[in-house]
Amino acid sequence: MRRLWMTTLIMATLFANASRATADRANAREFARIGTVLAESGAPKEALRFFQQAIESDPDFAEVYELALPLWFETKQEARATAELERLTLRCPHCTFAWYALGALYRRAERYDLAILAYEAFLARRPKDPDAVFGYAMALVATKDDRAGVALERYVALESRPERMAYREQALRLIRAREAAKPNVDRLLRYLVPLRAWVLVFWPASDAGDDEAHGL
């Protein structure tokens, strides 16, 4: 009798939890619907309140984060956006858009090491996304990472959209600046050849041999 009672109690608890989870997703969808209407009506702060309620109702409802994201930027709530997306990626590591958004948020906050990691997580899934490659390259440039040159060249190769030509030009300027900063091997060799002749005048090869004989 006791075993039957316990089984009944467990089943009732599981049913209640399943019903609550279903209700939470339904509530989240309704909050998201109202938030979307408010956002389209030009009321971003009011819309965000409903999106936040949707997140609280069902933290795994990934769609609502995508709806809220542009409004977090618009209302300058980037710290809130970062915190919410960090929690989402812990629960949903395959939510690709969240990794890209975190890369952008970290870069804007000058948290470049975290931006690099976030962009890498995104690019592992979408390696040919030019916007992500650009953000990744900029974060590498900011940290003086040696991988920046390869990332910049990859962005230039991927970018062909007319509206993004200014970004492509920026990448090209950075590539040229990096090339100019490299040691000029040809110039160095041109300097060393005549220098060797002067060295041999004051330190003949025979003297060098004497030094070798003395173990120098």
C-alpha atoms as a PDB file:
ATOM      1  CA  MET A   1       0.000   0.000   0.000  1.00  0.00           C
ATOM      2  CA  ARG A   2       2.838   2.352   0.937  1.00  0.00           C
ATOM      3  CA  ARG A   3       4.661   1.551  -2.327  1.00  0.00           C
ATOM      4  CA  LEU A   4       1.505   2.311  -4.339  1.00  0.00           C
ATOM      5  CA  TRP A   5       1.093   5.618  -2.495  1.00  0.00           C
ATOM      6  CA  MET A   6       4.716   6.614  -3.183  1.00  0.00           C
ATOM      7  CA  THR A   7       4.399   5.676  -6.852  1.00  0.00           C
ATOM      8  CA  THR A   8       1.220   7.732  -7.143  1.00  0.00           C
ATOM      9  CA  LEU A   9       2.918  10.711  -5.459  1.00  0.00           C
ATOM     10  CA  ILE A  10       5.935  10.520  -7.769  1.00  0.00           C
ATOM     11  CA  MET A  11       3.754  10.285 -10.858  1.00  0.00           C
ATOM     12  CA  ALA A  12       1.676  13.251  -9.683  1.00  0.00           C
ATOM     13  CA  THR A  13       4.824  15.299  -9.104  1.00  0.00           C
ATOM     14  CA  LEU A  14       6.222  14.448 -12.537  1.00  0.00           C
ATOM     15  CA  PHE A  15       2.912  15.319 -14.178  1.00  0.00           C
ATOM     16  CA  ALA A  16       2.763  18.637 -12.317  1.00  0.00           C
ATOM     17  CA  ASN A  17       6.321  19.497 -13.356  1.00  0.00           C
ATOM     18  CA  ALA A  18       5.649  18.569 -16.977  1.00  0.00           C
ATOM     19  CA  SER A  19       2.487  20.669 -16.988  1.00  0.00           C
ATOM     20  CA  ARG A  20       4.331  23.600 -15.454  1.00  0.00           C
ATOM     21  CA  ALA A  21       7.117  23.375 -18.067  1.00  0.00           C
ATOM     22  CA  THR A  22       4.540  23.356 -20.849  1.00  0.00           C
ATOM     23  CA  ALA A  23       2.763  26.318 -19.297  1.00  0.00           C
ATOM     24  CA  ASP A  24       6.058  28.170 -18.959  1.00  0.00           C
ATOM     25  CA  ARG A  25       6.834  27.802 -22.671  1.00  0.00           C
ATOM     26  CA  ALA A  26       3.293  28.867 -23.532  1.00  0.00           C
ATOM     27  CA  ASN A  27       3.604  31.900 -21.255  1.00  0.00           C
ATOM     28  CA  ALA A  28       6.998  32.712 -22.710  1.00  0.00           C
ATOM     29  CA  ARG A  29       5.576  32.655 -26.227  1.00  0.00           C
ATOM     30  CA  GLU A  30       2.755  34.976 -25.220  1.00  0.00           C
ATOM     31  CA  PHE A  31       5.130  37.417 -23.524  1.00  0.00           C
ATOM     32  CA  ALA A  32       7.350  37.322 -26.617  1.00  0.00           C
ATOM     33  CA  ARG A  33       4.349  37.988 -28.869  1.00  0.00           C
ATOM     34  CA  ILE A  34       3.341  41.055 -26.857  1.00  0.00           C
ATOM     35  CA  GLY A  35       6.949  42.257 -26.750  1.00  0.00           C
ATOM     36  CA  THR A  36       7.213  41.942 -30.522  1.00  0.00           C
ATOM     37  CA  VAL A  37       4.069  44.031 -31.016  1.00  0.00           C
ATOM     38  CA  LEU A  38       5.456  46.712 -28.692  1.00  0.00           C
ATOM     39  CA  ALA A  39       8.837  46.686 -30.451  1.00  0.00           C
ATOM     40  CA  GLU A  40       7.166  47.127 -33.832  1.00  0.00           C
ATOM     41  CA  SER A  41       5.144  49.998 -32.341  1.00  0.00           C
ATOM     42  CA  GLY A  42       8.322  51.857 -31.372  1.00  0.00           C
ATOM     43  CA  ALA A  43       8.271  51.097 -27.630  1.00  0.00           C
ATOM     44  CA  PRO A  44      11.591  49.274 -27.046  1.00  0.00           C
ATOM     45  CA  LYS A  45      11.750  49.615 -23.256  1.00  0.00           C
ATOM     46  CA  GLU A  46       8.217  48.310 -22.830  1.00  0.00           C
ATOM     47  CA  ALA A  47       8.950  45.515 -25.279  1.00  0.00           C
ATOM     48  CA  LEU A  48      12.054  44.521 -23.311  1.00  0.00           C
ATOM     49  CA  ARG A  49       9.998  44.171 -20.138  1.00  0.00           C
ATOM     50  CA  PHE A  50       7.883  41.535 -21.849  1.00  0.00           C
ATOM     51  CA  PHE A  51      10.904  39.843 -23.397  1.00  0.00           C
ATOM     52  CA  GLN A  52      12.463  39.691 -19.932  1.00  0.00           C
ATOM     53  CA  GLN A  53       9.310  38.071 -18.580  1.00  0.00           C
ATOM     54  CA  ALA A  54       9.516  35.542 -21.397  1.00  0.00           C
ATOM     55  CA  ILE A  55      13.117  34.726 -20.443  1.00  0.00           C
ATOM     56  CA  GLU A  56      12.176  34.352 -16.790  1.00  0.00           C
ATOM     57  CA  SER A  57       9.262  32.096 -17.761  1.00  0.00           C
ATOM     58  CA  ASP A  58      11.451  29.861 -19.920  1.00  0.00           C
ATOM     59  CA  PRO A  59      15.223  30.514 -19.902  1.00  0.00           C
ATOM     60  CA  ASP A  60      15.677  27.937 -22.680  1.00  0.00           C
ATOM     61  CA  PHE A  61      13.423  29.802 -25.124  1.00  0.00           C
ATOM     62  CA  ALA A  62      16.286  30.938 -27.377  1.00  0.00           C
ATOM     63  CA  GLU A  63      14.140  32.857 -29.848  1.00  0.00           C
ATOM     64  CA  VAL A  64      13.280  35.550 -27.335  1.00  0.00           C
ATOM     65  CA  TYR A  65      16.961  36.409 -26.812  1.00  0.00           C
ATOM     66  CA  GLU A  66      17.260  37.081 -30.540  1.00  0.00           C
ATOM     67  CA  LEU A  67      14.200  39.330 -30.349  1.00  0.00           C
ATOM     68  CA  ALA A  68      15.589  41.201 -27.346  1.00  0.00           C
ATOM     69  CA  LEU A  69      19.138  41.590 -28.646  1.00  0.00           C
ATOM     70  CA  PRO A  70      18.689  44.604 -30.978  1.00  0.00           C
ATOM     71  CA  LEU A  71      16.626  46.351 -28.298  1.00  0.00           C
ATOM     72  CA  TRP A  72      19.328  45.813 -25.670  1.00  0.00           C
ATOM     73  CA  PHE A  73      21.725  47.554 -28.053  1.00  0.00           C
ATOM     74  CA  GLU A  74      19.220  50.290 -28.877  1.00  0.00           C
ATOM     75  CA  THR A  75      18.524  51.072 -25.211  1.00  0.00           C
ATOM     76  CA  LYS A  76      22.227  50.779 -24.271  1.00  0.00           C
ATOM     77  CA  GLN A  77      21.645  47.814 -21.979  1.00  0.00           C
ATOM     78  CA  GLU A  78      24.741  46.006 -23.123  1.00  0.00           C
ATOM     79  CA  ALA A  79      25.648  44.743 -19.648  1.00  0.00           C
ATOM     80  CA  ARG A  80      22.220  43.118 -19.369  1.00  0.00           C
ATOM     81  CA  ALA A  81      22.592  41.630 -22.847  1.00  0.00           C
ATOM     82  CA  THR A  82      26.011  40.206 -21.971  1.00  0.00           C
ATOM     83  CA  ALA A  83      24.784  38.645 -18.729  1.00  0.00           C
ATOM     84  CA  GLU A  84      21.716  37.088 -20.346  1.00  0.00           C
ATOM     85  CA  LEU A  85      23.671  35.706 -23.318  1.00  0.00           C
ATOM     86  CA  GLU A  86      26.403  34.306 -21.065  1.00  0.00           C
ATOM     87  CA  ARG A  87      23.726  32.370 -19.185  1.00  0.00           C
ATOM     88  CA  LEU A  88      22.150  31.245 -22.453  1.00  0.00           C
ATOM     89  CA  THR A  89      25.405  29.836 -23.847  1.00  0.00           C
ATOM     90  CA  LEU A  90      25.864  27.794 -20.669  1.00  0.00           C
ATOM     91  CA  ARG A  91      22.418  26.285 -21.210  1.00  0.00           C
ATOM     92  CA  CYS A  92      22.573  26.213 -24.998  1.00  0.00           C
ATOM     93  CA  PRO A  93      26.172  25.993 -26.318  1.00  0.00           C
ATOM     94  CA  HIS A  94      24.867  25.421 -29.866  1.00  0.00           C
ATOM     95  CA  CYS A  95      22.954  28.752 -29.897  1.00  0.00           C
ATOM     96  CA  THR A  96      25.258  30.195 -32.545  1.00  0.00           C
ATOM     97  CA  PHE A  97      23.803  33.719 -32.649  1.00  0.00           C
ATOM     98  CA  ALA A  98      24.583  34.132 -28.938  1.00  0.00           C
ATOM     99  CA  TRP A  99      28.308  33.507 -29.477  1.00  0.00           C
ATOM    100  CA  TYR A 100      28.444  36.096 -32.271  1.00  0.00           C
ATOM    101  CA  ALA A 101      26.572  38.646 -30.140  1.00  0.00           C
ATOM    102  CA  LEU A 102      28.897  38.011 -27.197  1.00  0.00           C
ATOM    103  CA  GLY A 103      31.917  38.531 -29.460  1.00  0.00           C
ATOM    104  CA  ALA A 104      30.548  41.926 -30.486  1.00  0.00           C
ATOM    105  CA  LEU A 105      29.618  42.868 -26.908  1.00  0.00           C
ATOM    106  CA  TYR A 106      33.005  41.871 -25.497  1.00  0.00           C
ATOM    107  CA  ARG A 107      34.806  43.758 -28.269  1.00  0.00           C
ATOM    108  CA  ARG A 108      32.785  46.912 -27.598  1.00  0.00           C
ATOM    109  CA  ALA A 109      33.653  46.577 -23.910  1.00  0.00           C
ATOM    110  CA  GLU A 110      37.359  46.112 -24.860  1.00  0.00           C
ATOM    111  CA  ARG A 111      37.353  42.626 -23.335  1.00  0.00           C
ATOM    112  CA  TYR A 112      39.272  41.383 -26.324  1.00  0.00           C
ATOM    113  CA  ASP A 113      40.431  38.020 -24.967  1.00  0.00           C
ATOM    114  CA  LEU A 114      36.823  37.023 -24.303  1.00  0.00           C
ATOM    115  CA  ALA A 115      35.769  38.417 -27.679  1.00  0.00           C
ATOM    116  CA  ILE A 116      38.314  36.169 -29.403  1.00  0.00           C
ATOM    117  CA  LEU A 117      36.966  33.097 -27.596  1.00  0.00           C
ATOM    118  CA  ALA A 118      33.361  33.972 -28.419  1.00  0.00           C
ATOM    119  CA  TYR A 119      34.132  34.576 -32.098  1.00  0.00           C
ATOM    120  CA  GLU A 120      36.057  31.305 -32.249  1.00  0.00           C
ATOM    121  CA  ALA A 121      33.034  29.455 -30.851  1.00  0.00           C
ATOM    122  CA  PHE A 122      30.855  31.064 -33.536  1.00  0.00           C
ATOM    123  CA  LEU A 123      33.317  30.497 -36.390  1.00  0.00           C
ATOM    124  CA  ALA A 124      33.680  26.835 -35.451  1.00  0.00           C
ATOM    125  CA  ARG A 125      30.088  26.533 -36.679  1.00  0.00           C
ATOM    126  CA  ARG A 126      30.053  29.214 -39.388  1.00  0.00           C
ATOM    127  CA  PRO A 127      33.630  29.649 -40.615  1.00  0.00           C
ATOM    128  CA  LYS A 128      32.699  31.687 -43.705  1.00  0.00           C
ATOM    129  CA  ASP A 129      30.670  34.407 -41.997  1.00  0.00           C
ATOM    130  CA  PRO A 130      32.475  37.621 -43.040  1.00  0.00           C
ATOM    131  CA  ASP A 131      31.092  39.762 -40.197  1.00  0.00           C
ATOM    132  CA  ALA A 132      32.345  37.332 -37.591  1.00  0.00           C
ATOM    133  CA  VAL A 133      35.733  37.026 -39.312  1.00  0.00           C
ATOM    134  CA  PHE A 134      36.020  40.838 -39.311  1.00  0.00           C
ATOM    135  CA  GLY A 135      35.155  41.092 -35.612  1.00  0.00           C
ATOM    136  CA  TYR A 136      37.572  38.287 -34.822  1.00  0.00           C
ATOM    137  CA  ALA A 137      40.342  39.986 -36.803  1.00  0.00           C
ATOM    138  CA  MET A 138      39.760  43.306 -35.036  1.00  0.00           C
ATOM    139  CA  ALA A 139      39.961  41.633 -31.638  1.00  0.00           C
ATOM    140  CA  LEU A 140      43.231  39.966 -32.662  1.00  0.00           C
ATOM    141  CA  VAL A 141      44.606  43.295 -33.901  1.00  0.00           C
ATOM    142  CA  ALA A 142      43.683  44.929 -30.586  1.00  0.00           C
ATOM    143  CA  THR A 143      45.628  42.296 -28.647  1.00  0.00           C
ATOM    144  CA  LYS A 144      48.561  42.349 -31.128  1.00  0.00           C
ATOM    145  CA  ASP A 145      47.992  38.653 -31.744  1.00  0.00           C
ATOM    146  CA  ASP A 146      50.128  37.151 -34.530  1.00  0.00           C
ATOM    147  CA  ARG A 147      47.013  35.518 -36.010  1.00  0.00           C
ATOM    148  CA  ALA A 148      45.590  38.920 -36.937  1.00  0.00           C
ATOM    149  CA  GLY A 149      47.203  39.000 -40.381  1.00  0.00           C
ATOM    150  CA  VAL A 150      45.697  35.684 -41.453  1.00  0.00           C
ATOM    151  CA  ALA A 151      42.270  36.716 -40.138  1.00  0.00           C
ATOM    152  CA  LEU A 152      42.404  40.049 -41.975  1.00  0.00           C
ATOM    153  CA  GLU A 153      43.356  38.366 -45.238  1.00  0.00           C
ATOM    154  CA  ARG A 154      40.566  35.843 -44.770  1.00  0.00           C
ATOM    155  CA  TYR A 155      38.062  38.658 -44.272  1.00  0.00           C
ATOM    156  CA  VAL A 156      39.248  40.447 -47.420  1.00  0.00           C
ATOM    157  CA  ALA A 157      38.859  37.210 -49.374  1.00  0.00           C
ATOM    158  CA  LEU A 158      35.341  36.616 -48.040  1.00  0.00           C
ATOM    159  CA  GLU A 159      33.938  40.148 -48.237  1.00  0.00           C
ATOM    160  CA  SER A 160      32.212  41.095 -51.479  1.00  0.00           C
ATOM    161  CA  ARG A 161      29.153  43.071 -50.322  1.00  0.00           C
ATOM    162  CA  PRO A 162      29.086  46.617 -51.717  1.00  0.00           C
ATOM    163  CA  GLU A 163      27.726  48.057 -48.468  1.00  0.00           C
ATOM    164  CA  ARG A 164      30.701  46.614 -46.560  1.00  0.00           C
ATOM    165  CA  MET A 165      33.465  47.939 -48.805  1.00  0.00           C
ATOM    166  CA  ALA A 166      34.524  50.481 -46.168  1.00  0.00           C
ATOM    167  CA  TYR A 167      35.258  47.616 -43.763  1.00  0.00           C
ATOM    168  CA  ARG A 168      37.155  45.756 -46.460  1.00  0.00           C
ATOM    169  CA  GLU A 169      39.270  48.870 -47.094  1.00  0.00           C
ATOM    170  CA  GLN A 170      39.949  49.141 -43.368  1.00  0.00           C
ATOM    171  CA  ALA A 171      41.171  45.550 -43.352  1.00  0.00           C
ATOM    172  CA  LEU A 172      43.400  46.224 -46.373  1.00  0.00           C
ATOM    173  CA  ARG A 173      44.917  49.282 -44.654  1.00  0.00           C
ATOM    174  CA  LEU A 174      45.696  47.185 -41.595  1.00  0.00           C
ATOM    175  CA  ILE A 175      47.286  44.493 -43.755  1.00  0.00           C
ATOM    176  CA  ARG A 176      49.476  47.092 -45.501  1.00  0.00           C
ATOM    177  CA  ALA A 177      50.458  48.625 -42.163  1.00  0.00           C
ATOM    178  CA  ARG A 178      51.459  45.223 -40.826  1.00  0.00           C
ATOM    179  CA  GLU A 179      53.517  44.533 -43.945  1.00  0.00           C
ATOM    180  CA  ALA A 180      55.270  47.901 -43.656  1.00  0.00           C
ATOM    181  CA  ALA A 181      56.138  47.193 -40.032  1.00  0.00           C
ATOM    182  CA  LYS A 182      57.894  43.925 -40.896  1.00  0.00           C
ATOM    183  CA  PRO A 183      61.711  44.008 -41.144  1.00  0.00           C
ATOM    184  CA  ASN A 184      62.798  44.565 -44.731  1.00  0.00           C
ATOM    185  CA  VAL A 185      65.057  41.575 -45.393  1.00  0.00           C
ATOM    186  CA  ASP A 186      66.303  42.885 -48.747  1.00  0.00           C
ATOM    187  CA  ARG A 187      67.254  46.219 -47.200  1.00  0.00           C
ATOM    188  CA  LEU A 188      69.041  44.412 -44.379  1.00  0.00           C
ATOM    189  CA  LEU A 189      71.037  42.265 -46.811  1.00  0.00           C
ATOM    190  CA  ARG A 190      72.035  45.323 -48.848  1.00  0.00           C
ATOM    191  CA  TYR A 191      73.391  46.830 -45.638  1.00  0.00           C
ATOM    192  CA  LEU A 192      75.237  43.694 -44.489  1.00  0.00           C
ATOM    193  CA  VAL A 193      77.110  42.973 -47.768  1.00  0.00           C
ATOM    194  CA  PRO A 194      79.258  46.135 -47.718  1.00  0.00           C
ATOM    195  CA  LEU A 195      79.549  45.862 -43.940  1.00  0.00           C
ATOM    196  CA  ARG A 196      81.153  42.428 -44.365  1.00  0.00           C
ATOM    197  CA  ALA A 197      83.772  43.959 -46.667  1.00  0.00           C
ATOM    198  CA  TRP A 198      84.703  46.521 -44.001  1.00  0.00           C
ATOM    199  CA  VAL A 199      84.897  43.784 -41.358  1.00  0.00           C
ATOM    200  CA  LEU A 200      87.306  41.767 -43.503  1.00  0.00           C
ATOM    201  CA  VAL A 201      89.562  44.812 -43.903  1.00  0.00           C
ATOM    202  CA  PHE A 202      90.056  45.186 -40.152  1.00  0.00           C
ATOM    203  CA  TRP A 203      89.697  41.483 -39.269  1.00  0.00           C
ATOM    204  CA  PRO A 204      91.235  39.335 -42.024  1.00  0.00           C
ATOM    205  CA  ALA A 205      90.219  35.729 -42.435  1.00  0.00           C
ATOM    206  CA  SER A 206      93.650  34.597 -41.179  1.00  0.00           C
ATOM    207  CA  ASP A 207      93.028  36.344 -37.870  1.00  0.00           C
ATOM    208  CA  ALA A 208      89.656  34.641 -37.632  1.00  0.00           C
ATOM    209  CA  GLY A 209      91.472  31.328 -38.116  1.00  0.00           C
ATOM    210  CA  ASP A 210      93.895  32.215 -35.288  1.00  0.00           C
ATOM    211  CA  ASP A 211      90.937  32.887 -33.028  1.00  0.00           C
ATOM    212  CA  GLU A 212      89.475  29.516 -33.935  1.00  0.00           C
ATOM    213  CA  ALA A 213      92.810  27.905 -33.064  1.00  0.00           C
ATOM    214  CA  HIS A 214      92.626  29.460 -29.632  1.00  0.00           C
ATOM    215  CA  GLY A 215      89.101  28.192 -29.152  1.00  0.00           C
ATOM    216  CA  LEU A 216      87.445  31.599 -29.599  1.00  0.00           C
END
